[in-house]
Amino acid sequence: MAEVVLAIDAGTTGVRTVAVGADGASRALAYREFPQHFPRPGWVEHDPDDIWRAVQVTLGEVVGALDGDTVVGIGITDQRETVVAWDRRTGRPRHRAIVWQDRRTAARCDELRAAGLEPLVRERTGLVLDPYFSATKLEWLLGEGGVEADGHLAFGTVDSWVLWNLTGEHATEPSNASRTMLYDLDARGWSDELLDIFGVPRSCLPAIRPSSGRFGITDPARAAGLEVPVSGIAGDQQAALFGQACFAPGMTKNTYGTGSFVLVNLGDSHPPPVDGLLTTVAWQLGDDVTYAMEGSIFVTGAAVQWLRDGLGLIDASSEAGPLAASVDDTDGVVFVPAFTGLGSPWFDPYARGAIFGLTRGTTRAHLVRAVVEAMAWQTADVVDAITAAAGIPITELRVDGGASVMDVLCQFQADVLGVPVRRPANLETTVLGAASLAGIAEGVWPSPAEAAAAWREDAAFSPRPLPDAEQRRADWRRALDRSRGWDSP
């Protein structure tokens, strides 16, 4: 009989629950998708009850699959900037969750920027005025969304919603709090100044606790019979940085998920705000906070889903890699996946997706390869910006996420960046990070160093000369320029 830690990954398109052993290996896994709602162009919503049902189903399946193993704790990781409003008395949602991809508050961000508030936001939070973050979503809920700010209202990111349902505790931790645009990076708490600007009552926000430590004890009736501590929480990208064992300043990872997120460990301090990039909390262990610099790319894996569900060019996402690898290049096709605007380093909410360079000779393989190459070009733009801002040249890139299984993507990424790309044997680095945070709190691992020993390499991709590299990068930039400002007022 072995000890295991459960990790609940409440992502953008589904919930994954994994049982992780002391060796870092997965003992059992369950996954459940939940519906996406698009009530208007640029609006993206989830039903919070769908998320919670997916948590319960996957938790039950994993617990049922364990053969005598003892669950010592639970870690939670989540999709970050998505916000949920619920009633403390009943636990019922008061509105659909507004997803991080949602752009409904773009005009409000423009107003705040025109009022000269962006420098304040940048200085306090390390973020930019963009509808990606939670604050203007909360403001919208309290206004046009019709949510009443009474004494029973609870706001939270998805980790808080899951924690509440498991334990009845209303709490979060700094990696998630730092994505709300309401958290002061240096004061390490909610900013009264920003709460006043966005009209968000402090009373409806969760308590902020360290990322590793006990948040509450699960209710067996709601947690598949488990009465165990929830002992670790982190936003999905910070959890992946932890799971990739990027504990030293300068270590860098990229997660190719629905979007892509490049994070570099900054250590215990951070530079002043840098245009186009975000400064965020990576995690807090005890009283010690580690910061990260991040480039957030809104659409990468979601573009593969679009190829499958929107265009019908592939029947399954797993077909994308082999199809892209079946041609040597895109034959001049360039794809810009700005379905919900552009993230780092541009942060243009009005950009729109575009395809350039089509000819009669273009095949579906060329289109699929253009989607794959767009992931690498966007990542290269972010890495270049981080390298210039942090003054730390990267020597390798550790990758994870669903799309990282594509060798063609990893090799092209190495070619574009000119550094090795390393893929771990366990691609579930997000759940491994959440499990590690919980396991450290419960003594499964004495320290991050022991947890890091579980990291193993699956494959390394060394950079090769890229034919016509300068021209291809110029074509990418020209396509970006043409997609920007398409839907501006």
Protein backbone atom coordinates (compact mmCIF):
# COMPACT_ATOMS: atom_id res chain seq x y z
CA MET A 1 0.00 0.00 0.00
CA ALA A 2 1.44 3.36 -1.07
CA GLU A 3 0.70 6.98 -0.33
CA VAL A 4 -0.66 9.08 -3.19
CA VAL A 5 -1.61 12.73 -3.67
CA LEU A 6 -4.57 13.62 -5.86
CA ALA A 7 -4.30 16.58 -8.20
CA ILE A 8 -7.42 18.21 -9.64
CA ASP A 9 -6.72 20.20 -12.80
CA ALA A 10 -9.76 22.35 -13.56
CA GLY A 11 -8.80 23.51 -17.04
CA THR A 12 -10.50 25.50 -19.77
CA THR A 13 -12.17 22.65 -21.63
CA GLY A 14 -12.31 19.93 -18.98
CA VAL A 15 -11.28 18.60 -15.59
CA ARG A 16 -8.51 16.08 -15.08
CA THR A 17 -7.94 14.30 -11.77
CA VAL A 18 -4.74 12.32 -11.30
CA ALA A 19 -3.35 10.20 -8.46
CA VAL A 20 0.39 10.83 -8.14
CA GLY A 21 2.78 8.57 -6.22
CA ALA A 22 5.89 9.58 -4.31
CA ASP A 23 7.96 8.73 -7.40
CA GLY A 24 6.00 11.30 -9.44
CA ALA A 25 4.30 8.64 -11.54
CA SER A 26 0.58 8.68 -12.23
CA ARG A 27 -1.34 5.85 -10.53
CA ALA A 28 -4.77 6.64 -11.95
CA LEU A 29 -6.28 9.33 -14.18
CA ALA A 30 -9.74 10.46 -15.19
CA TYR A 31 -10.88 13.26 -17.50
CA ARG A 32 -14.21 14.87 -18.24
CA GLU A 33 -14.91 17.63 -20.75
CA PHE A 34 -17.51 20.29 -20.04
CA PRO A 35 -19.40 22.57 -22.45
CA GLN A 36 -18.19 25.94 -23.69
CA HIS A 37 -20.71 28.77 -24.14
CA PHE A 38 -20.30 31.61 -26.65
CA PRO A 39 -23.36 33.84 -26.16
CA ARG A 40 -21.96 36.66 -28.33
CA PRO A 41 -18.88 37.18 -30.50
CA GLY A 42 -15.89 37.53 -28.19
CA TRP A 43 -17.80 36.24 -25.15
CA VAL A 44 -16.77 32.94 -23.55
CA GLU A 45 -18.56 31.42 -20.55
CA HIS A 46 -18.71 28.23 -18.47
CA ASP A 47 -21.44 26.92 -16.23
CA PRO A 48 -19.73 26.60 -12.80
CA ASP A 49 -21.93 23.61 -12.02
CA ASP A 50 -20.52 21.82 -15.07
CA ILE A 51 -17.02 22.35 -13.68
CA TRP A 52 -17.99 21.03 -10.26
CA ARG A 53 -19.77 17.99 -11.72
CA ALA A 54 -16.64 17.20 -13.74
CA VAL A 55 -14.57 17.44 -10.54
CA GLN A 56 -16.90 15.04 -8.73
CA VAL A 57 -17.02 12.52 -11.57
CA THR A 58 -13.26 12.42 -12.13
CA LEU A 59 -12.52 12.37 -8.40
CA GLY A 60 -14.87 9.42 -7.96
CA GLU A 61 -13.34 7.52 -10.88
CA VAL A 62 -9.79 7.97 -9.60
CA VAL A 63 -10.67 7.02 -6.03
CA GLY A 64 -12.44 3.95 -7.37
CA ALA A 65 -9.37 2.95 -9.39
CA LEU A 66 -6.96 3.08 -6.45
CA ASP A 67 -6.04 -0.38 -5.21
CA GLY A 68 -5.36 0.06 -1.52
CA ASP A 69 -3.34 3.27 -1.93
CA THR A 70 -3.81 5.90 0.77
CA VAL A 71 -4.76 9.43 -0.29
CA VAL A 72 -2.84 11.84 1.94
CA GLY A 73 -3.92 15.12 0.35
CA ILE A 74 -5.31 16.97 -2.66
CA GLY A 75 -3.77 19.68 -4.81
CA ILE A 76 -5.79 21.98 -7.08
CA THR A 77 -4.68 23.75 -10.23
CA ASP A 78 -6.91 25.79 -12.47
CA GLN A 79 -7.40 27.99 -15.52
CA ARG A 80 -6.61 31.17 -13.54
CA GLU A 81 -8.29 34.43 -14.69
CA THR A 82 -11.76 32.87 -15.16
CA VAL A 83 -14.12 34.19 -12.46
CA VAL A 84 -17.06 32.65 -10.62
CA ALA A 85 -19.72 34.39 -8.54
CA TRP A 86 -21.76 32.33 -6.08
CA ASP A 87 -23.99 32.63 -3.01
CA ARG A 88 -22.38 31.65 0.30
CA ARG A 89 -25.71 30.51 1.74
CA THR A 90 -26.68 28.11 -1.01
CA GLY A 91 -23.43 27.53 -2.88
CA ARG A 92 -25.29 28.26 -6.11
CA PRO A 93 -23.68 30.26 -8.94
CA ARG A 94 -25.15 33.70 -9.53
CA HIS A 95 -23.94 33.92 -13.13
CA ARG A 96 -22.06 31.82 -15.60
CA ALA A 97 -18.30 31.94 -15.12
CA ILE A 98 -16.60 34.48 -17.38
CA VAL A 99 -13.62 32.76 -18.99
CA TRP A 100 -10.10 34.15 -19.33
CA GLN A 101 -10.54 34.21 -23.12
CA ASP A 102 -13.57 36.52 -22.90
CA ARG A 103 -13.21 39.99 -24.49
CA ARG A 104 -16.46 41.69 -23.44
CA THR A 105 -14.63 44.27 -21.31
CA ALA A 106 -12.17 45.40 -24.01
CA ALA A 107 -13.87 48.79 -24.35
CA ARG A 108 -13.80 49.27 -20.57
CA CYS A 109 -10.07 48.59 -20.57
CA ASP A 110 -9.71 51.24 -23.27
CA GLU A 111 -11.58 53.72 -21.06
CA LEU A 112 -9.34 53.02 -18.08
CA ARG A 113 -6.26 53.32 -20.24
CA ALA A 114 -7.48 56.65 -21.63
CA ALA A 115 -8.03 57.80 -18.05
CA GLY A 116 -4.33 57.22 -17.40
CA LEU A 117 -4.71 54.26 -15.05
CA GLU A 118 -2.49 51.74 -16.82
CA PRO A 119 0.78 52.87 -15.16
CA LEU A 120 -0.82 52.34 -11.73
CA VAL A 121 -2.11 48.89 -12.71
CA ARG A 122 1.29 47.93 -14.12
CA GLU A 123 3.16 49.09 -11.02
CA ARG A 124 0.86 47.43 -8.51
CA THR A 125 0.08 44.17 -10.29
CA GLY A 126 2.71 43.53 -12.96
CA LEU A 127 -0.16 43.07 -15.44
CA VAL A 128 -1.59 45.17 -18.26
CA LEU A 129 -5.06 46.63 -18.69
CA ASP A 130 -6.61 43.82 -20.69
CA PRO A 131 -9.93 41.95 -20.52
CA TYR A 132 -7.90 38.76 -20.07
CA PHE A 133 -7.59 39.48 -16.34
CA SER A 134 -10.31 39.17 -13.73
CA ALA A 135 -10.92 42.70 -12.41
CA THR A 136 -12.98 44.10 -15.28
CA LYS A 137 -14.90 40.80 -15.44
CA LEU A 138 -15.86 41.24 -11.79
CA GLU A 139 -16.77 44.87 -12.43
CA TRP A 140 -18.99 43.75 -15.33
CA LEU A 141 -20.70 41.10 -13.20
CA LEU A 142 -21.54 43.72 -10.57
CA GLY A 143 -22.88 46.07 -13.25
CA GLU A 144 -24.27 44.73 -16.50
CA GLY A 145 -24.17 41.18 -15.20
CA GLY A 146 -26.77 41.98 -12.53
CA VAL A 147 -24.90 40.31 -9.66
CA GLU A 148 -25.80 41.97 -6.36
CA ALA A 149 -22.95 42.84 -3.98
CA ASP A 150 -24.78 41.75 -0.85
CA GLY A 151 -23.24 40.14 2.22
CA HIS A 152 -23.67 36.67 0.77
CA LEU A 153 -21.73 37.15 -2.49
CA ALA A 154 -18.53 35.19 -3.02
CA PHE A 155 -16.14 35.84 -5.88
CA GLY A 156 -13.25 33.63 -6.84
CA THR A 157 -11.16 32.13 -9.56
CA VAL A 158 -11.87 28.50 -10.38
CA ASP A 159 -9.54 27.17 -7.67
CA SER A 160 -11.64 28.99 -5.08
CA TRP A 161 -14.85 27.57 -6.53
CA VAL A 162 -13.51 24.00 -6.38
CA LEU A 163 -12.07 24.49 -2.89
CA TRP A 164 -15.37 25.91 -1.63
CA ASN A 165 -17.28 22.91 -2.94
CA LEU A 166 -14.81 20.42 -1.49
CA THR A 167 -14.28 22.01 1.93
CA GLY A 168 -16.55 25.02 2.47
CA GLU A 169 -13.46 27.27 2.72
CA HIS A 170 -13.28 30.50 0.71
CA ALA A 171 -9.58 30.92 -0.06
CA THR A 172 -6.98 31.18 -2.81
CA GLU A 173 -3.21 31.66 -3.03
CA PRO A 174 -0.85 34.23 -4.60
CA SER A 175 -0.31 32.70 -8.04
CA ASN A 176 -4.06 32.90 -8.74
CA ALA A 177 -4.61 36.12 -6.82
CA SER A 178 -1.87 37.82 -8.83
CA ARG A 179 -3.86 37.21 -12.03
CA THR A 180 -6.94 39.14 -10.92
CA MET A 181 -5.49 42.66 -11.42
CA LEU A 182 -6.50 43.31 -7.80
CA TYR A 183 -3.38 41.91 -6.07
CA ASP A 184 -0.41 44.08 -5.08
CA LEU A 185 2.76 42.15 -5.95
CA ASP A 186 4.94 43.91 -3.39
CA ALA A 187 2.41 44.36 -0.58
CA ARG A 188 1.36 40.72 -1.15
CA GLY A 189 -2.35 41.25 -0.69
CA TRP A 190 -5.52 42.70 -2.15
CA SER A 191 -5.04 46.35 -3.12
CA ASP A 192 -7.64 48.69 -1.62
CA GLU A 193 -6.75 51.21 -4.31
CA LEU A 194 -7.57 48.78 -7.11
CA LEU A 195 -10.64 47.40 -5.36
CA ASP A 196 -11.97 50.95 -5.25
CA ILE A 197 -11.24 51.58 -8.95
CA PHE A 198 -13.08 48.43 -10.04
CA GLY A 199 -15.80 48.63 -7.41
CA VAL A 200 -15.12 45.18 -5.99
CA PRO A 201 -15.95 44.73 -2.27
CA ARG A 202 -13.11 43.13 -0.31
CA SER A 203 -15.71 41.12 1.63
CA CYS A 204 -16.58 39.01 -1.41
CA LEU A 205 -12.98 37.98 -2.15
CA PRO A 206 -11.22 34.89 -0.81
CA ALA A 207 -8.51 34.82 1.84
CA ILE A 208 -4.98 34.52 0.43
CA ARG A 209 -2.80 31.74 1.86
CA PRO A 210 0.57 30.21 0.85
CA SER A 211 0.50 27.90 -2.19
CA SER A 212 1.62 24.90 -0.13
CA GLY A 213 -0.21 24.34 3.16
CA ARG A 214 -3.59 23.23 4.46
CA PHE A 215 -6.57 25.09 2.99
CA GLY A 216 -9.28 22.87 4.46
CA ILE A 217 -10.53 19.30 4.93
CA THR A 218 -12.79 17.72 2.33
CA ASP A 219 -16.39 16.81 3.08
CA PRO A 220 -16.66 13.03 2.41
CA ALA A 221 -20.17 13.49 1.04
CA ARG A 222 -18.80 15.78 -1.67
CA ALA A 223 -15.36 14.27 -2.25
CA ALA A 224 -15.93 10.62 -3.18
CA GLY A 225 -15.83 9.57 0.46
CA LEU A 226 -12.50 11.27 1.20
CA GLU A 227 -11.87 13.25 4.37
CA VAL A 228 -8.41 14.59 3.55
CA PRO A 229 -6.68 17.98 3.45
CA VAL A 230 -6.52 20.19 0.39
CA SER A 231 -2.89 21.21 0.83
CA GLY A 232 -1.68 22.81 -2.39
CA ILE A 233 -3.07 25.25 -4.96
CA ALA A 234 -1.50 27.04 -7.92
CA GLY A 235 -2.62 28.49 -11.22
CA ASP A 236 -2.08 26.05 -14.04
CA GLN A 237 0.94 27.74 -15.59
CA GLN A 238 2.72 28.30 -12.29
CA ALA A 239 1.95 24.69 -11.35
CA ALA A 240 3.55 23.59 -14.62
CA LEU A 241 6.65 25.68 -13.85
CA PHE A 242 6.83 23.91 -10.49
CA GLY A 243 6.18 20.51 -12.06
CA GLN A 244 8.93 21.13 -14.64
CA ALA A 245 11.34 21.61 -11.70
CA CYS A 246 12.19 25.14 -12.85
CA PHE A 247 13.31 26.20 -9.39
CA ALA A 248 16.40 28.24 -10.33
CA PRO A 249 16.19 31.81 -11.70
CA GLY A 250 16.32 31.77 -15.48
CA MET A 251 14.78 28.32 -15.94
CA THR A 252 12.02 28.51 -18.58
CA LYS A 253 9.05 26.41 -19.64
CA ASN A 254 6.26 26.64 -22.20
CA THR A 255 2.93 24.88 -21.92
CA TYR A 256 1.14 24.25 -25.22
CA GLY A 257 -2.45 23.97 -24.03
CA THR A 258 -5.58 25.78 -25.17
CA GLY A 259 -3.26 28.76 -25.19
CA SER A 260 0.48 28.79 -24.57
CA PHE A 261 2.27 30.26 -21.62
CA VAL A 262 5.99 30.92 -21.40
CA LEU A 263 7.26 31.43 -17.84
CA VAL A 264 10.76 32.17 -16.60
CA ASN A 265 11.67 31.91 -12.92
CA LEU A 266 12.79 35.33 -11.60
CA GLY A 267 13.63 34.25 -8.05
CA ASP A 268 12.64 36.33 -5.01
CA SER A 269 12.53 39.71 -6.77
CA HIS A 270 11.18 41.15 -9.99
CA PRO A 271 12.13 43.96 -12.38
CA PRO A 272 9.92 46.98 -13.12
CA PRO A 273 7.02 46.33 -15.52
CA VAL A 274 7.98 45.52 -19.11
CA ASP A 275 5.74 46.33 -22.09
CA GLY A 276 4.04 43.28 -23.52
CA LEU A 277 5.04 40.96 -20.68
CA LEU A 278 3.55 40.10 -17.30
CA THR A 279 5.12 39.84 -13.88
CA THR A 280 3.35 37.35 -11.68
CA VAL A 281 3.74 35.28 -8.54
CA ALA A 282 5.03 31.81 -9.33
CA TRP A 283 4.31 30.37 -5.86
CA GLN A 284 4.61 31.05 -2.17
CA LEU A 285 6.22 28.48 0.16
CA GLY A 286 5.87 29.60 3.76
CA ASP A 287 6.78 33.28 3.81
CA ASP A 288 8.98 33.03 0.69
CA VAL A 289 7.54 34.27 -2.60
CA THR A 290 9.00 33.33 -5.99
CA TYR A 291 8.17 35.57 -8.96
CA ALA A 292 7.99 34.78 -12.66
CA MET A 293 7.89 36.72 -15.91
CA GLU A 294 5.25 35.46 -18.30
CA GLY A 295 4.25 35.75 -21.87
CA SER A 296 0.63 34.68 -22.41
CA ILE A 297 -0.42 33.44 -25.85
CA PHE A 298 -4.18 33.18 -26.13
CA VAL A 299 -4.63 30.55 -28.85
CA THR A 300 -2.43 27.58 -29.74
CA GLY A 301 -4.05 24.20 -29.03
CA ALA A 302 -7.46 25.82 -29.43
CA ALA A 303 -6.56 26.34 -33.09
CA VAL A 304 -6.15 22.57 -33.50
CA GLN A 305 -9.62 22.14 -31.98
CA TRP A 306 -10.86 24.67 -34.55
CA LEU A 307 -9.33 22.62 -37.37
CA ARG A 308 -11.23 19.62 -35.99
CA ASP A 309 -14.55 21.11 -34.89
CA GLY A 310 -14.85 24.30 -36.94
CA LEU A 311 -13.43 23.30 -40.32
CA GLY A 312 -13.56 19.51 -40.18
CA LEU A 313 -10.06 19.26 -41.68
CA ILE A 314 -9.11 16.57 -39.16
CA ASP A 315 -11.22 14.03 -37.29
CA ALA A 316 -9.09 13.99 -34.14
CA SER A 317 -6.52 16.34 -32.65
CA SER A 318 -3.97 13.53 -32.74
CA GLU A 319 -3.97 13.74 -36.57
CA ALA A 320 -2.46 17.25 -36.55
CA GLY A 321 1.15 16.24 -35.88
CA PRO A 322 1.46 13.50 -38.53
CA LEU A 323 -0.37 15.63 -41.11
CA ALA A 324 1.86 18.65 -40.43
CA ALA A 325 4.94 16.45 -40.65
CA SER A 326 3.82 15.08 -44.02
CA VAL A 327 4.95 18.31 -45.76
CA ASP A 328 8.32 20.04 -45.46
CA ASP A 329 6.86 23.51 -44.93
CA THR A 330 3.65 25.52 -45.29
CA ASP A 331 4.25 26.37 -48.96
CA GLY A 332 4.02 30.05 -48.06
CA VAL A 333 0.84 29.86 -45.93
CA VAL A 334 0.90 31.88 -42.71
CA PHE A 335 -1.79 31.51 -40.07
CA VAL A 336 -2.42 34.05 -37.28
CA PRO A 337 -4.64 32.46 -34.57
CA ALA A 338 -5.97 35.71 -33.11
CA PHE A 339 -9.48 34.36 -32.52
CA THR A 340 -9.77 36.31 -29.26
CA GLY A 341 -7.16 38.98 -29.90
CA LEU A 342 -3.41 38.70 -29.40
CA GLY A 343 -1.65 38.21 -26.09
CA SER A 344 2.04 38.78 -25.33
CA PRO A 345 3.97 40.64 -26.42
CA TRP A 346 1.30 42.58 -28.37
CA PHE A 347 -1.83 42.57 -26.16
CA ASP A 348 -4.14 43.67 -28.94
CA PRO A 349 -7.74 42.64 -28.09
CA TYR A 350 -8.94 43.80 -31.50
CA ALA A 351 -6.71 41.58 -33.63
CA ARG A 352 -8.53 38.80 -35.46
CA GLY A 353 -7.49 35.48 -36.92
CA ALA A 354 -6.26 35.43 -40.48
CA ILE A 355 -4.75 33.13 -43.10
CA PHE A 356 -2.39 34.51 -45.75
CA GLY A 357 -0.61 33.04 -48.75
CA LEU A 358 -3.28 30.66 -50.01
CA THR A 359 -2.91 29.33 -53.56
CA ARG A 360 -4.57 26.58 -55.59
CA GLY A 361 -1.68 24.38 -54.52
CA THR A 362 -2.49 24.76 -50.83
CA THR A 363 -3.55 21.48 -49.21
CA ARG A 364 -5.02 20.71 -45.82
CA ALA A 365 -1.57 19.49 -44.76
CA HIS A 366 -0.18 22.97 -45.49
CA LEU A 367 -2.96 24.58 -43.44
CA VAL A 368 -2.41 22.23 -40.52
CA ARG A 369 1.34 22.83 -40.64
CA ALA A 370 0.71 26.60 -40.66
CA VAL A 371 -1.31 26.18 -37.45
CA VAL A 372 1.53 24.19 -35.87
CA GLU A 373 4.19 26.67 -36.97
CA ALA A 374 2.11 29.57 -35.60
CA MET A 375 2.52 28.03 -32.13
CA ALA A 376 6.29 28.18 -32.52
CA TRP A 377 6.38 31.69 -34.01
CA GLN A 378 4.25 33.10 -31.20
CA THR A 379 6.47 31.39 -28.63
CA ALA A 380 9.59 32.80 -30.26
CA ASP A 381 8.18 36.33 -30.08
CA VAL A 382 7.53 35.91 -26.36
CA VAL A 383 10.92 34.33 -25.62
CA ASP A 384 12.70 37.14 -27.45
CA ALA A 385 10.78 39.73 -25.42
CA ILE A 386 11.48 37.97 -22.08
CA THR A 387 15.17 37.56 -22.88
CA ALA A 388 15.48 41.26 -23.65
CA ALA A 389 13.50 42.34 -20.58
CA ALA A 390 14.97 40.02 -17.96
CA GLY A 391 18.50 40.10 -19.33
CA ILE A 392 18.64 36.31 -18.94
CA PRO A 393 19.31 34.39 -22.17
CA ILE A 394 17.60 31.02 -22.10
CA THR A 395 19.75 27.95 -22.70
CA GLU A 396 16.89 25.49 -23.10
CA LEU A 397 13.11 25.40 -23.18
CA ARG A 398 11.18 22.76 -21.22
CA VAL A 399 7.84 22.02 -22.86
CA ASP A 400 4.61 20.32 -21.85
CA GLY A 401 0.91 20.41 -22.64
CA GLY A 402 -1.09 18.43 -25.17
CA ALA A 403 0.51 19.82 -28.33
CA SER A 404 4.03 19.08 -27.10
CA VAL A 405 3.55 15.44 -28.10
CA MET A 406 4.07 16.60 -31.69
CA ASP A 407 7.71 16.04 -32.60
CA VAL A 408 7.25 18.33 -35.60
CA LEU A 409 6.30 21.20 -33.27
CA CYS A 410 9.16 20.58 -30.83
CA GLN A 411 11.74 20.37 -33.60
CA PHE A 412 10.47 23.49 -35.36
CA GLN A 413 10.44 25.31 -32.02
CA ALA A 414 14.08 24.37 -31.43
CA ASP A 415 14.97 25.50 -34.95
CA VAL A 416 13.24 28.87 -34.52
CA LEU A 417 14.69 29.56 -31.05
CA GLY A 418 18.13 28.14 -31.66
CA VAL A 419 18.17 26.33 -28.28
CA PRO A 420 17.35 22.74 -27.26
CA VAL A 421 13.76 21.89 -26.47
CA ARG A 422 13.30 19.27 -23.72
CA ARG A 423 10.12 17.29 -23.26
CA PRO A 424 9.52 15.40 -19.99
CA ALA A 425 8.48 11.78 -19.79
CA ASN A 426 5.43 12.85 -17.76
CA LEU A 427 3.63 15.54 -19.73
CA GLU A 428 1.20 16.07 -16.84
CA THR A 429 3.50 18.71 -15.36
CA THR A 430 0.57 20.87 -14.28
CA VAL A 431 -0.94 18.13 -12.13
CA LEU A 432 2.55 17.09 -10.99
CA GLY A 433 3.14 20.67 -9.79
CA ALA A 434 -0.17 20.78 -7.91
CA ALA A 435 0.47 17.35 -6.40
CA SER A 436 4.00 18.39 -5.40
CA LEU A 437 2.75 21.51 -3.61
CA ALA A 438 0.23 19.41 -1.68
CA GLY A 439 2.69 16.57 -1.09
CA ILE A 440 5.35 18.91 0.31
CA ALA A 441 2.80 20.25 2.79
CA GLU A 442 1.90 16.70 3.86
CA GLY A 443 5.47 15.37 4.06
CA VAL A 444 5.39 13.13 0.98
CA TRP A 445 8.39 15.12 -0.26
CA PRO A 446 10.59 16.93 2.27
CA SER A 447 11.33 19.82 -0.09
CA PRO A 448 11.01 20.98 -3.72
CA ALA A 449 14.41 19.42 -4.47
CA GLU A 450 13.10 15.95 -3.57
CA ALA A 451 9.93 16.55 -5.59
CA ALA A 452 12.07 17.65 -8.56
CA ALA A 453 13.86 14.31 -8.55
CA ALA A 454 10.76 12.84 -10.21
CA TRP A 455 11.39 14.87 -13.40
CA ARG A 456 12.54 12.66 -16.30
CA GLU A 457 13.30 13.56 -19.91
CA ASP A 458 11.39 11.88 -22.74
CA ALA A 459 13.07 13.58 -25.69
CA ALA A 460 15.39 16.47 -26.53
CA PHE A 461 15.32 18.37 -29.82
CA SER A 462 18.52 20.11 -30.89
CA PRO A 463 18.21 23.15 -33.17
CA ARG A 464 18.90 22.70 -36.87
CA PRO A 465 19.47 25.34 -39.56
CA LEU A 466 16.12 26.72 -40.72
CA PRO A 467 16.02 27.41 -44.48
CA ASP A 468 15.05 31.00 -45.30
CA ALA A 469 14.74 31.75 -41.60
CA GLU A 470 14.83 35.55 -41.93
CA GLN A 471 12.27 35.59 -44.73
CA ARG A 472 9.92 33.25 -42.89
CA ARG A 473 10.13 35.34 -39.71
CA ALA A 474 9.45 38.47 -41.80
CA ASP A 475 6.41 36.79 -43.36
CA TRP A 476 5.11 35.94 -39.90
CA ARG A 477 5.54 39.53 -38.70
CA ARG A 478 3.85 40.94 -41.78
CA ALA A 479 0.88 38.63 -41.25
CA LEU A 480 0.69 39.73 -37.60
CA ASP A 481 0.63 43.38 -38.64
CA ARG A 482 -2.22 42.76 -41.04
CA SER A 483 -4.33 40.95 -38.46
CA ARG A 484 -4.00 43.70 -35.85
CA GLY A 485 -6.62 46.38 -35.29
CA TRP A 486 -9.07 44.53 -37.53
CA ASP A 487 -12.00 44.92 -35.15
CA SER A 488 -11.04 48.16 -33.39
CA PRO A 489 -13.82 50.68 -32.75
